[in-house]
Amino acid sequence: MRLGRRHRAYWQRNLKMTALLLAVWFVVSFVVSFFARDLDSITIIGFPLGFYMGAQGAPLIYLVIIWWYARYMSRLDREYGVHQGEGEGDD
């Protein structure tokens, strides 16, 4: 199946954003937690920073990633004419 130029451009932009957000997820999930012990010398509200980042920071970053992706894809869908209007979703 051959994809048209616009279809290919749409998917390239989608894949680039997905790769970027997965890289952010990887850094938050693995890189920050790898250095968590080093961050424990800093305290926030009586808790070590490593604990605080795991308990509060990471889930907030994950929510921002989800929000950003949904917002970006909604705008991209409208730009390329594949946006579903209200009530037109799959049942």
PDB file of N, CA and C in Angstrom:
ATOM      1  N   MET A   1       0.845  -1.175   0.000  1.00  0.00           N
ATOM      2  CA  MET A   1       0.000   0.000   0.000  1.00  0.00           C
ATOM      3  C   MET A   1       0.890   1.238   0.000  1.00  0.00           C
ATOM      4  N   ARG A   2       0.725   2.063  -0.987  1.00  0.00           N
ATOM      5  CA  ARG A   2       1.501   3.303  -1.081  1.00  0.00           C
ATOM      6  C   ARG A   2       0.805   4.408  -0.311  1.00  0.00           C
ATOM      7  N   LEU A   3       1.589   5.128   0.462  1.00  0.00           N
ATOM      8  CA  LEU A   3       1.043   6.250   1.203  1.00  0.00           C
ATOM      9  C   LEU A   3       1.265   7.531   0.420  1.00  0.00           C
ATOM     10  N   GLY A   4       0.287   8.405   0.487  1.00  0.00           N
ATOM     11  CA  GLY A   4       0.429   9.695  -0.173  1.00  0.00           C
ATOM     12  C   GLY A   4       1.430  10.564   0.582  1.00  0.00           C
ATOM     13  N   ARG A   5       1.838  11.640  -0.044  1.00  0.00           N
ATOM     14  CA  ARG A   5       2.818  12.541   0.557  1.00  0.00           C
ATOM     15  C   ARG A   5       2.312  13.121   1.879  1.00  0.00           C
ATOM     16  N   ARG A   6       1.051  13.552   1.911  1.00  0.00           N
ATOM     17  CA  ARG A   6       0.490  14.124   3.155  1.00  0.00           C
ATOM     18  C   ARG A   6       0.376  13.058   4.235  1.00  0.00           C
ATOM     19  N   HIS A   7      -0.021  11.865   3.856  1.00  0.00           N
ATOM     20  CA  HIS A   7      -0.150  10.774   4.825  1.00  0.00           C
ATOM     21  C   HIS A   7       1.218  10.439   5.424  1.00  0.00           C
ATOM     22  N   ARG A   8       2.227  10.397   4.587  1.00  0.00           N
ATOM     23  CA  ARG A   8       3.584  10.102   5.045  1.00  0.00           C
ATOM     24  C   ARG A   8       4.091  11.217   5.968  1.00  0.00           C
ATOM     25  N   ALA A   9       3.824  12.474   5.617  1.00  0.00           N
ATOM     26  CA  ALA A   9       4.237  13.606   6.449  1.00  0.00           C
ATOM     27  C   ALA A   9       3.532  13.566   7.802  1.00  0.00           C
ATOM     28  N   TYR A  10       2.251  13.214   7.788  1.00  0.00           N
ATOM     29  CA  TYR A  10       1.473  13.090   9.033  1.00  0.00           C
ATOM     30  C   TYR A  10       2.115  12.054   9.956  1.00  0.00           C
ATOM     31  N   TRP A  11       2.433  10.876   9.408  1.00  0.00           N
ATOM     32  CA  TRP A  11       2.992   9.814  10.229  1.00  0.00           C
ATOM     33  C   TRP A  11       4.414  10.124  10.671  1.00  0.00           C
ATOM     34  N   GLN A  12       5.187  10.818   9.856  1.00  0.00           N
ATOM     35  CA  GLN A  12       6.529  11.204  10.276  1.00  0.00           C
ATOM     36  C   GLN A  12       6.485  12.155  11.459  1.00  0.00           C
ATOM     37  N   ARG A  13       5.581  13.123  11.412  1.00  0.00           N
ATOM     38  CA  ARG A  13       5.444  14.050  12.536  1.00  0.00           C
ATOM     39  C   ARG A  13       4.941  13.331  13.779  1.00  0.00           C
ATOM     40  N   ASN A  14       4.005  12.402  13.591  1.00  0.00           N
ATOM     41  CA  ASN A  14       3.490  11.615  14.711  1.00  0.00           C
ATOM     42  C   ASN A  14       4.613  10.789  15.346  1.00  0.00           C
ATOM     43  N   LEU A  15       5.406  10.115  14.532  1.00  0.00           N
ATOM     44  CA  LEU A  15       6.484   9.271  15.051  1.00  0.00           C
ATOM     45  C   LEU A  15       7.585  10.093  15.724  1.00  0.00           C
ATOM     46  N   LYS A  16       7.878  11.273  15.197  1.00  0.00           N
ATOM     47  CA  LYS A  16       8.877  12.129  15.835  1.00  0.00           C
ATOM     48  C   LYS A  16       8.430  12.556  17.225  1.00  0.00           C
ATOM     49  N   MET A  17       7.157  12.958  17.350  1.00  0.00           N
ATOM     50  CA  MET A  17       6.647  13.368  18.658  1.00  0.00           C
ATOM     51  C   MET A  17       6.612  12.181  19.611  1.00  0.00           C
ATOM     52  N   THR A  18       6.218  11.018  19.122  1.00  0.00           N
ATOM     53  CA  THR A  18       6.187   9.820  19.961  1.00  0.00           C
ATOM     54  C   THR A  18       7.592   9.478  20.451  1.00  0.00           C
ATOM     55  N   ALA A  19       8.585   9.550  19.568  1.00  0.00           N
ATOM     56  CA  ALA A  19       9.969   9.260  19.959  1.00  0.00           C
ATOM     57  C   ALA A  19      10.470  10.263  20.995  1.00  0.00           C
ATOM     58  N   LEU A  20      10.147  11.536  20.812  1.00  0.00           N
ATOM     59  CA  LEU A  20      10.561  12.556  21.764  1.00  0.00           C
ATOM     60  C   LEU A  20       9.950  12.303  23.141  1.00  0.00           C
ATOM     61  N   LEU A  21       8.646  12.025  23.173  1.00  0.00           N
ATOM     62  CA  LEU A  21       7.977  11.794  24.452  1.00  0.00           C
ATOM     63  C   LEU A  21       8.435  10.493  25.107  1.00  0.00           C
ATOM     64  N   LEU A  22       8.753   9.480  24.317  1.00  0.00           N
ATOM     65  CA  LEU A  22       9.306   8.251  24.885  1.00  0.00           C
ATOM     66  C   LEU A  22      10.694   8.499  25.471  1.00  0.00           C
ATOM     67  N   ALA A  23      11.471   9.368  24.855  1.00  0.00           N
ATOM     68  CA  ALA A  23      12.785   9.719  25.401  1.00  0.00           C
ATOM     69  C   ALA A  23      12.624  10.432  26.742  1.00  0.00           C
ATOM     70  N   VAL A  24      11.660  11.346  26.836  1.00  0.00           N
ATOM     71  CA  VAL A  24      11.391  12.023  28.114  1.00  0.00           C
ATOM     72  C   VAL A  24      10.964  10.995  29.156  1.00  0.00           C
ATOM     73  N   TRP A  25      10.069  10.083  28.779  1.00  0.00           N
ATOM     74  CA  TRP A  25       9.623   9.040  29.694  1.00  0.00           C
ATOM     75  C   TRP A  25      10.812   8.203  30.190  1.00  0.00           C
ATOM     76  N   PHE A  26      11.701   7.826  29.279  1.00  0.00           N
ATOM     77  CA  PHE A  26      12.864   7.021  29.647  1.00  0.00           C
ATOM     78  C   PHE A  26      13.745   7.762  30.648  1.00  0.00           C
ATOM     79  N   VAL A  27      14.003   9.024  30.385  1.00  0.00           N
ATOM     80  CA  VAL A  27      14.850   9.812  31.290  1.00  0.00           C
ATOM     81  C   VAL A  27      14.208   9.902  32.672  1.00  0.00           C
ATOM     82  N   VAL A  28      12.925  10.201  32.715  1.00  0.00           N
ATOM     83  CA  VAL A  28      12.229  10.325  34.001  1.00  0.00           C
ATOM     84  C   VAL A  28      12.182   8.985  34.726  1.00  0.00           C
ATOM     85  N   SER A  29      11.938   7.911  34.000  1.00  0.00           N
ATOM     86  CA  SER A  29      11.768   6.600  34.633  1.00  0.00           C
ATOM     87  C   SER A  29      13.083   5.958  35.059  1.00  0.00           C
ATOM     88  N   PHE A  30      14.101   6.062  34.237  1.00  0.00           N
ATOM     89  CA  PHE A  30      15.316   5.300  34.499  1.00  0.00           C
ATOM     90  C   PHE A  30      16.519   6.153  34.879  1.00  0.00           C
ATOM     91  N   VAL A  31      16.748   7.237  34.190  1.00  0.00           N
ATOM     92  CA  VAL A  31      17.943   8.046  34.465  1.00  0.00           C
ATOM     93  C   VAL A  31      17.816   8.740  35.812  1.00  0.00           C
ATOM     94  N   VAL A  32      16.681   9.386  36.065  1.00  0.00           N
ATOM     95  CA  VAL A  32      16.500  10.074  37.342  1.00  0.00           C
ATOM     96  C   VAL A  32      16.529   9.080  38.492  1.00  0.00           C
ATOM     97  N   SER A  33      15.877   7.939  38.345  1.00  0.00           N
ATOM     98  CA  SER A  33      15.876   6.956  39.435  1.00  0.00           C
ATOM     99  C   SER A  33      17.263   6.341  39.644  1.00  0.00           C
ATOM    100  N   PHE A  34      18.084   6.283  38.603  1.00  0.00           N
ATOM    101  CA  PHE A  34      19.449   5.777  38.746  1.00  0.00           C
ATOM    102  C   PHE A  34      20.277   6.691  39.639  1.00  0.00           C
ATOM    103  N   PHE A  35      20.025   7.985  39.548  1.00  0.00           N
ATOM    104  CA  PHE A  35      20.759   8.960  40.350  1.00  0.00           C
ATOM    105  C   PHE A  35      20.004   9.371  41.609  1.00  0.00           C
ATOM    106  N   ALA A  36      18.972   8.646  41.994  1.00  0.00           N
ATOM    107  CA  ALA A  36      18.150   9.021  43.139  1.00  0.00           C
ATOM    108  C   ALA A  36      18.953   9.073  44.432  1.00  0.00           C
ATOM    109  N   ARG A  37      19.862   8.162  44.628  1.00  0.00           N
ATOM    110  CA  ARG A  37      20.667   8.170  45.861  1.00  0.00           C
ATOM    111  C   ARG A  37      21.526   9.416  45.954  1.00  0.00           C
ATOM    112  N   ASP A  38      22.031   9.858  44.820  1.00  0.00           N
ATOM    113  CA  ASP A  38      22.845  11.078  44.816  1.00  0.00           C
ATOM    114  C   ASP A  38      22.017  12.308  45.154  1.00  0.00           C
ATOM    115  N   LEU A  39      20.729  12.274  44.864  1.00  0.00           N
ATOM    116  CA  LEU A  39      19.849  13.406  45.137  1.00  0.00           C
ATOM    117  C   LEU A  39      19.319  13.414  46.565  1.00  0.00           C
ATOM    118  N   ASP A  40      19.567  12.339  47.316  1.00  0.00           N
ATOM    119  CA  ASP A  40      19.016  12.240  48.665  1.00  0.00           C
ATOM    120  C   ASP A  40      19.626  13.231  49.647  1.00  0.00           C
ATOM    121  N   SER A  41      20.740  13.841  49.321  1.00  0.00           N
ATOM    122  CA  SER A  41      21.335  14.829  50.215  1.00  0.00           C
ATOM    123  C   SER A  41      20.524  16.128  50.233  1.00  0.00           C
ATOM    124  N   ILE A  42      19.664  16.329  49.230  1.00  0.00           N
ATOM    125  CA  ILE A  42      18.794  17.498  49.158  1.00  0.00           C
ATOM    126  C   ILE A  42      17.418  17.091  49.684  1.00  0.00           C
ATOM    127  N   THR A  43      16.845  17.892  50.568  1.00  0.00           N
ATOM    128  CA  THR A  43      15.519  17.567  51.114  1.00  0.00           C
ATOM    129  C   THR A  43      14.496  18.618  50.707  1.00  0.00           C
ATOM    130  N   ILE A  44      13.284  18.152  50.462  1.00  0.00           N
ATOM    131  CA  ILE A  44      12.145  19.020  50.148  1.00  0.00           C
ATOM    132  C   ILE A  44      11.016  18.613  51.072  1.00  0.00           C
ATOM    133  N   ILE A  45      10.570  19.547  51.871  1.00  0.00           N
ATOM    134  CA  ILE A  45       9.484  19.315  52.826  1.00  0.00           C
ATOM    135  C   ILE A  45       9.803  18.096  53.711  1.00  0.00           C
ATOM    136  N   GLY A  46      11.036  17.953  54.067  1.00  0.00           N
ATOM    137  CA  GLY A  46      11.449  16.876  54.954  1.00  0.00           C
ATOM    138  C   GLY A  46      11.703  15.536  54.287  1.00  0.00           C
ATOM    139  N   PHE A  47      11.504  15.438  52.985  1.00  0.00           N
ATOM    140  CA  PHE A  47      11.735  14.190  52.260  1.00  0.00           C
ATOM    141  C   PHE A  47      12.958  14.336  51.365  1.00  0.00           C
ATOM    142  N   PRO A  48      13.728  13.266  51.201  1.00  0.00           N
ATOM    143  CA  PRO A  48      14.862  13.326  50.274  1.00  0.00           C
ATOM    144  C   PRO A  48      14.373  13.575  48.846  1.00  0.00           C
ATOM    145  N   LEU A  49      15.142  14.334  48.081  1.00  0.00           N
ATOM    146  CA  LEU A  49      14.739  14.691  46.717  1.00  0.00           C
ATOM    147  C   LEU A  49      14.531  13.461  45.842  1.00  0.00           C
ATOM    148  N   GLY A  50      15.339  12.421  46.009  1.00  0.00           N
ATOM    149  CA  GLY A  50      15.168  11.196  45.230  1.00  0.00           C
ATOM    150  C   GLY A  50      13.800  10.567  45.461  1.00  0.00           C
ATOM    151  N   PHE A  51      13.378  10.516  46.725  1.00  0.00           N
ATOM    152  CA  PHE A  51      12.056   9.984  47.059  1.00  0.00           C
ATOM    153  C   PHE A  51      10.963  10.886  46.485  1.00  0.00           C
ATOM    154  N   TYR A  52      11.143  12.195  46.649  1.00  0.00           N
ATOM    155  CA  TYR A  52      10.151  13.156  46.179  1.00  0.00           C
ATOM    156  C   TYR A  52       9.967  13.064  44.662  1.00  0.00           C
ATOM    157  N   MET A  53      11.072  12.928  43.933  1.00  0.00           N
ATOM    158  CA  MET A  53      10.979  12.816  42.474  1.00  0.00           C
ATOM    159  C   MET A  53      10.230  11.547  42.069  1.00  0.00           C
ATOM    160  N   GLY A  54      10.465  10.454  42.785  1.00  0.00           N
ATOM    161  CA  GLY A  54       9.771   9.207  42.461  1.00  0.00           C
ATOM    162  C   GLY A  54       8.305   9.228  42.839  1.00  0.00           C
ATOM    163  N   ALA A  55       8.006   9.820  43.999  1.00  0.00           N
ATOM    164  CA  ALA A  55       6.638   9.793  44.508  1.00  0.00           C
ATOM    165  C   ALA A  55       5.760  10.889  43.915  1.00  0.00           C
ATOM    166  N   GLN A  56       6.329  12.037  43.634  1.00  0.00           N
ATOM    167  CA  GLN A  56       5.526  13.164  43.154  1.00  0.00           C
ATOM    168  C   GLN A  56       5.905  13.619  41.748  1.00  0.00           C
ATOM    169  N   GLY A  57       7.185  13.717  41.487  1.00  0.00           N
ATOM    170  CA  GLY A  57       7.645  14.284  40.221  1.00  0.00           C
ATOM    171  C   GLY A  57       7.347  13.422  39.018  1.00  0.00           C
ATOM    172  N   ALA A  58       7.675  12.138  39.086  1.00  0.00           N
ATOM    173  CA  ALA A  58       7.491  11.254  37.931  1.00  0.00           C
ATOM    174  C   ALA A  58       6.019  11.142  37.512  1.00  0.00           C
ATOM    175  N   PRO A  59       5.088  10.884  38.435  1.00  0.00           N
ATOM    176  CA  PRO A  59       3.684  10.813  37.990  1.00  0.00           C
ATOM    177  C   PRO A  59       3.184  12.117  37.371  1.00  0.00           C
ATOM    178  N   LEU A  60       3.648  13.250  37.884  1.00  0.00           N
ATOM    179  CA  LEU A  60       3.244  14.522  37.280  1.00  0.00           C
ATOM    180  C   LEU A  60       3.802  14.665  35.868  1.00  0.00           C
ATOM    181  N   ILE A  61       5.047  14.259  35.670  1.00  0.00           N
ATOM    182  CA  ILE A  61       5.642  14.309  34.332  1.00  0.00           C
ATOM    183  C   ILE A  61       4.882  13.379  33.384  1.00  0.00           C
ATOM    184  N   TYR A  62       4.486  12.196  33.859  1.00  0.00           N
ATOM    185  CA  TYR A  62       3.728  11.266  33.016  1.00  0.00           C
ATOM    186  C   TYR A  62       2.395  11.884  32.586  1.00  0.00           C
ATOM    187  N   LEU A  63       1.726  12.574  33.501  1.00  0.00           N
ATOM    188  CA  LEU A  63       0.469  13.243  33.146  1.00  0.00           C
ATOM    189  C   LEU A  63       0.702  14.343  32.117  1.00  0.00           C
ATOM    190  N   VAL A  64       1.794  15.088  32.253  1.00  0.00           N
ATOM    191  CA  VAL A  64       2.120  16.130  31.275  1.00  0.00           C
ATOM    192  C   VAL A  64       2.401  15.504  29.910  1.00  0.00           C
ATOM    193  N   ILE A  65       3.085  14.363  29.886  1.00  0.00           N
ATOM    194  CA  ILE A  65       3.360  13.674  28.621  1.00  0.00           C
ATOM    195  C   ILE A  65       2.051  13.281  27.935  1.00  0.00           C
ATOM    196  N   ILE A  66       1.119  12.717  28.684  1.00  0.00           N
ATOM    197  CA  ILE A  66      -0.173  12.306  28.123  1.00  0.00           C
ATOM    198  C   ILE A  66      -0.933  13.526  27.603  1.00  0.00           C
ATOM    199  N   TRP A  67      -0.981  14.581  28.412  1.00  0.00           N
ATOM    200  CA  TRP A  67      -1.691  15.799  28.013  1.00  0.00           C
ATOM    201  C   TRP A  67      -1.071  16.385  26.753  1.00  0.00           C
ATOM    202  N   TRP A  68       0.266  16.473  26.698  1.00  0.00           N
ATOM    203  CA  TRP A  68       0.946  17.064  25.547  1.00  0.00           C
ATOM    204  C   TRP A  68       0.681  16.259  24.271  1.00  0.00           C
ATOM    205  N   TYR A  69       0.755  14.925  24.378  1.00  0.00           N
ATOM    206  CA  TYR A  69       0.535  14.082  23.205  1.00  0.00           C
ATOM    207  C   TYR A  69      -0.896  14.234  22.685  1.00  0.00           C
ATOM    208  N   ALA A  70      -1.876  14.239  23.565  1.00  0.00           N
ATOM    209  CA  ALA A  70      -3.273  14.385  23.148  1.00  0.00           C
ATOM    210  C   ALA A  70      -3.495  15.743  22.485  1.00  0.00           C
ATOM    211  N   ARG A  71      -2.930  16.785  23.054  1.00  0.00           N
ATOM    212  CA  ARG A  71      -3.058  18.130  22.495  1.00  0.00           C
ATOM    213  C   ARG A  71      -2.376  18.213  21.126  1.00  0.00           C
ATOM    214  N   TYR A  72      -1.175  17.679  21.039  1.00  0.00           N
ATOM    215  CA  TYR A  72      -0.419  17.712  19.785  1.00  0.00           C
ATOM    216  C   TYR A  72      -1.141  16.936  18.687  1.00  0.00           C
ATOM    217  N   MET A  73      -1.616  15.739  19.009  1.00  0.00           N
ATOM    218  CA  MET A  73      -2.277  14.914  17.997  1.00  0.00           C
ATOM    219  C   MET A  73      -3.610  15.519  17.563  1.00  0.00           C
ATOM    220  N   SER A  74      -4.318  16.149  18.469  1.00  0.00           N
ATOM    221  CA  SER A  74      -5.565  16.808  18.101  1.00  0.00           C
ATOM    222  C   SER A  74      -5.299  17.923  17.095  1.00  0.00           C
ATOM    223  N   ARG A  75      -4.266  18.708  17.356  1.00  0.00           N
ATOM    224  CA  ARG A  75      -3.897  19.787  16.437  1.00  0.00           C
ATOM    225  C   ARG A  75      -3.403  19.223  15.100  1.00  0.00           C
ATOM    226  N   LEU A  76      -2.601  18.153  15.157  1.00  0.00           N
ATOM    227  CA  LEU A  76      -2.086  17.531  13.933  1.00  0.00           C
ATOM    228  C   LEU A  76      -3.219  16.929  13.102  1.00  0.00           C
ATOM    229  N   ASP A  77      -4.174  16.282  13.772  1.00  0.00           N
ATOM    230  CA  ASP A  77      -5.326  15.718  13.071  1.00  0.00           C
ATOM    231  C   ASP A  77      -6.113  16.803  12.339  1.00  0.00           C
ATOM    232  N   ARG A  78      -6.333  17.934  13.007  1.00  0.00           N
ATOM    233  CA  ARG A  78      -7.055  19.028  12.359  1.00  0.00           C
ATOM    234  C   ARG A  78      -6.268  19.591  11.180  1.00  0.00           C
ATOM    235  N   GLU A  79      -4.960  19.705  11.347  1.00  0.00           N
ATOM    236  CA  GLU A  79      -4.111  20.242  10.280  1.00  0.00           C
ATOM    237  C   GLU A  79      -4.138  19.366   9.032  1.00  0.00           C
ATOM    238  N   TYR A  80      -4.179  18.048   9.222  1.00  0.00           N
ATOM    239  CA  TYR A  80      -4.153  17.124   8.087  1.00  0.00           C
ATOM    240  C   TYR A  80      -5.550  16.627   7.696  1.00  0.00           C
ATOM    241  N   GLY A  81      -6.581  17.148   8.327  1.00  0.00           N
ATOM    242  CA  GLY A  81      -7.939  16.812   7.926  1.00  0.00           C
ATOM    243  C   GLY A  81      -8.411  15.436   8.346  1.00  0.00           C
ATOM    244  N   VAL A  82      -7.859  14.889   9.397  1.00  0.00           N
ATOM    245  CA  VAL A  82      -8.312  13.586   9.879  1.00  0.00           C
ATOM    246  C   VAL A  82      -8.959  13.701  11.261  1.00  0.00           C
ATOM    247  N   HIS A  83      -9.321  14.922  11.638  1.00  0.00           N
ATOM    248  CA  HIS A  83      -9.914  15.177  12.948  1.00  0.00           C
ATOM    249  C   HIS A  83     -11.345  14.658  12.989  1.00  0.00           C
ATOM    250  N   GLN A  84     -11.676  13.928  14.066  1.00  0.00           N
ATOM    251  CA  GLN A  84     -13.047  13.463  14.259  1.00  0.00           C
ATOM    252  C   GLN A  84     -13.788  14.521  15.052  1.00  0.00           C
ATOM    253  N   GLY A  85     -14.964  14.871  14.602  1.00  0.00           N
ATOM    254  CA  GLY A  85     -15.776  15.845  15.321  1.00  0.00           C
ATOM    255  C   GLY A  85     -16.415  15.215  16.543  1.00  0.00           C
ATOM    256  N   GLU A  86     -17.104  16.032  17.315  1.00  0.00           N
ATOM    257  CA  GLU A  86     -17.785  15.560  18.523  1.00  0.00           C
ATOM    258  C   GLU A  86     -18.814  14.494  18.148  1.00  0.00           C
ATOM    259  N   GLY A  87     -18.791  13.387  18.856  1.00  0.00           N
ATOM    260  CA  GLY A  87     -19.779  12.340  18.646  1.00  0.00           C
ATOM    261  C   GLY A  87     -19.539  11.461  17.439  1.00  0.00           C
ATOM    262  N   GLU A  88     -18.409  11.613  16.759  1.00  0.00           N
ATOM    263  CA  GLU A  88     -18.142  10.812  15.574  1.00  0.00           C
ATOM    264  C   GLU A  88     -17.176   9.662  15.855  1.00  0.00           C
ATOM    265  N   GLY A  89     -16.854   9.417  17.100  1.00  0.00           N
ATOM    266  CA  GLY A  89     -15.903   8.374  17.451  1.00  0.00           C
ATOM    267  C   GLY A  89     -16.494   6.983  17.285  1.00  0.00           C
ATOM    268  N   ASP A  90     -15.648   5.968  17.469  1.00  0.00           N
ATOM    269  CA  ASP A  90     -16.107   4.578  17.379  1.00  0.00           C
ATOM    270  C   ASP A  90     -16.991   4.256  18.564  1.00  0.00           C
ATOM    271  N   ASP A  91     -18.040   3.529  18.320  1.00  0.00           N
ATOM    272  CA  ASP A  91     -18.945   3.102  19.403  1.00  0.00           C
ATOM    273  C   ASP A  91     -18.670   1.695  19.804  1.00  0.00           C
TER     274      ASP A  91
END
